[in-house]
Amino acid sequence: MKTIVTVQDAVTAFADWIEPTDAELDAIEQEMPVILADVDLLDAQIITLDRIPTELDNRRLRRARRRALAARVSLANRTTGAALPGGAA
């Protein structure tokens, strides 16, 4: 029997650029609160897919939306403040 290897695996298996750089890891670390808030929002939305949302489901959705929005605002304020010269926000 002949083994079949995909071309992508053969090409990228030994590539030195396959690992994320330190800058990419730092960017992911900064965005982690937004990512986790979005995951919570998706979880709340998935729960309500197959049924009519109850009052508790509606509260969970509202809280998850507020957390996701707050995380995005916090990230935007951090990146904007870091980009301005002199620390002015």
Protein backbone atom coordinates (compact mmCIF):
# COMPACT_ATOMS: atom_id res chain seq x y z
CA MET A 1 0.00 0.00 0.00
CA LYS A 2 1.20 3.48 -0.86
CA THR A 3 1.02 6.30 1.69
CA ILE A 4 -0.33 9.62 0.53
CA VAL A 5 1.09 12.84 1.94
CA THR A 6 -0.60 16.13 1.30
CA VAL A 7 1.51 18.76 -0.38
CA GLN A 8 0.86 21.36 2.32
CA ASP A 9 2.09 19.07 5.09
CA ALA A 10 5.23 18.30 3.13
CA VAL A 11 5.91 21.98 2.44
CA THR A 12 5.07 23.48 5.84
CA ALA A 13 6.28 20.69 8.11
CA PHE A 14 9.78 22.12 8.32
CA ALA A 15 9.07 25.81 7.76
CA ASP A 16 10.60 28.12 10.36
CA TRP A 17 7.76 30.63 9.99
CA ILE A 18 5.07 28.20 11.17
CA GLU A 19 5.37 29.31 14.83
CA PRO A 20 3.85 32.65 15.88
CA THR A 21 6.26 35.47 16.59
CA ASP A 22 6.56 37.20 19.95
CA ALA A 23 4.69 40.21 18.57
CA GLU A 24 1.82 38.00 17.39
CA LEU A 25 1.65 36.28 20.78
CA ASP A 26 1.58 39.68 22.52
CA ALA A 27 -1.25 40.83 20.23
CA ILE A 28 -3.23 37.68 21.03
CA GLU A 29 -2.62 38.23 24.75
CA GLN A 30 -3.95 41.80 24.50
CA GLU A 31 -7.04 40.63 22.60
CA MET A 32 -7.75 37.69 24.92
CA PRO A 33 -10.44 39.49 27.01
CA VAL A 34 -12.32 40.32 23.78
CA ILE A 35 -11.97 36.75 22.54
CA LEU A 36 -13.27 35.30 25.82
CA ALA A 37 -16.17 37.77 25.93
CA ASP A 38 -17.11 36.83 22.36
CA VAL A 39 -17.00 33.14 23.29
CA ASP A 40 -19.37 33.81 26.20
CA LEU A 41 -21.70 35.70 23.87
CA LEU A 42 -21.66 32.85 21.37
CA ASP A 43 -22.40 30.37 24.15
CA ALA A 44 -25.40 32.43 25.25
CA GLN A 45 -26.64 32.66 21.66
CA ILE A 46 -26.18 28.93 21.03
CA ILE A 47 -28.23 28.08 24.12
CA THR A 48 -31.20 29.97 22.69
CA LEU A 49 -31.05 28.50 19.18
CA ASP A 50 -33.42 25.59 19.67
CA ARG A 51 -35.97 27.15 22.02
CA ILE A 52 -37.80 30.33 22.79
CA PRO A 53 -35.54 32.39 25.08
CA THR A 54 -36.69 32.67 28.67
CA GLU A 55 -36.21 35.76 30.82
CA LEU A 56 -33.03 34.22 32.21
CA ASP A 57 -31.76 33.60 28.66
CA ASN A 58 -32.50 37.22 27.74
CA ARG A 59 -30.57 38.46 30.79
CA ARG A 60 -27.66 36.17 29.95
CA LEU A 61 -27.61 37.52 26.39
CA ARG A 62 -27.73 41.14 27.55
CA ARG A 63 -24.91 40.58 30.04
CA ALA A 64 -22.81 38.79 27.44
CA ARG A 65 -23.36 41.60 24.92
CA ARG A 66 -22.40 44.22 27.52
CA ARG A 67 -19.26 42.29 28.47
CA ALA A 68 -18.25 41.89 24.82
CA LEU A 69 -18.82 45.58 24.14
CA ALA A 70 -16.94 46.63 27.28
CA ALA A 71 -14.00 44.39 26.34
CA ARG A 72 -13.89 45.89 22.84
CA VAL A 73 -14.05 49.45 24.21
CA SER A 74 -11.28 48.68 26.70
CA LEU A 75 -9.08 47.23 23.95
CA ALA A 76 -9.77 50.19 21.65
CA ASN A 77 -8.91 52.66 24.42
CA ARG A 78 -5.67 50.84 25.21
CA THR A 79 -4.51 50.69 21.59
CA THR A 80 -5.56 54.29 20.88
CA GLY A 81 -3.78 55.61 23.96
CA ALA A 82 -0.63 53.70 23.07
CA ALA A 83 -0.62 55.09 19.51
CA LEU A 84 -0.83 58.76 20.49
CA PRO A 85 2.44 60.57 21.16
CA GLY A 86 2.94 62.06 24.61
CA GLY A 87 0.40 59.77 26.27
CA ALA A 88 -2.56 62.02 25.37
CA ALA A 89 -5.82 60.16 25.06
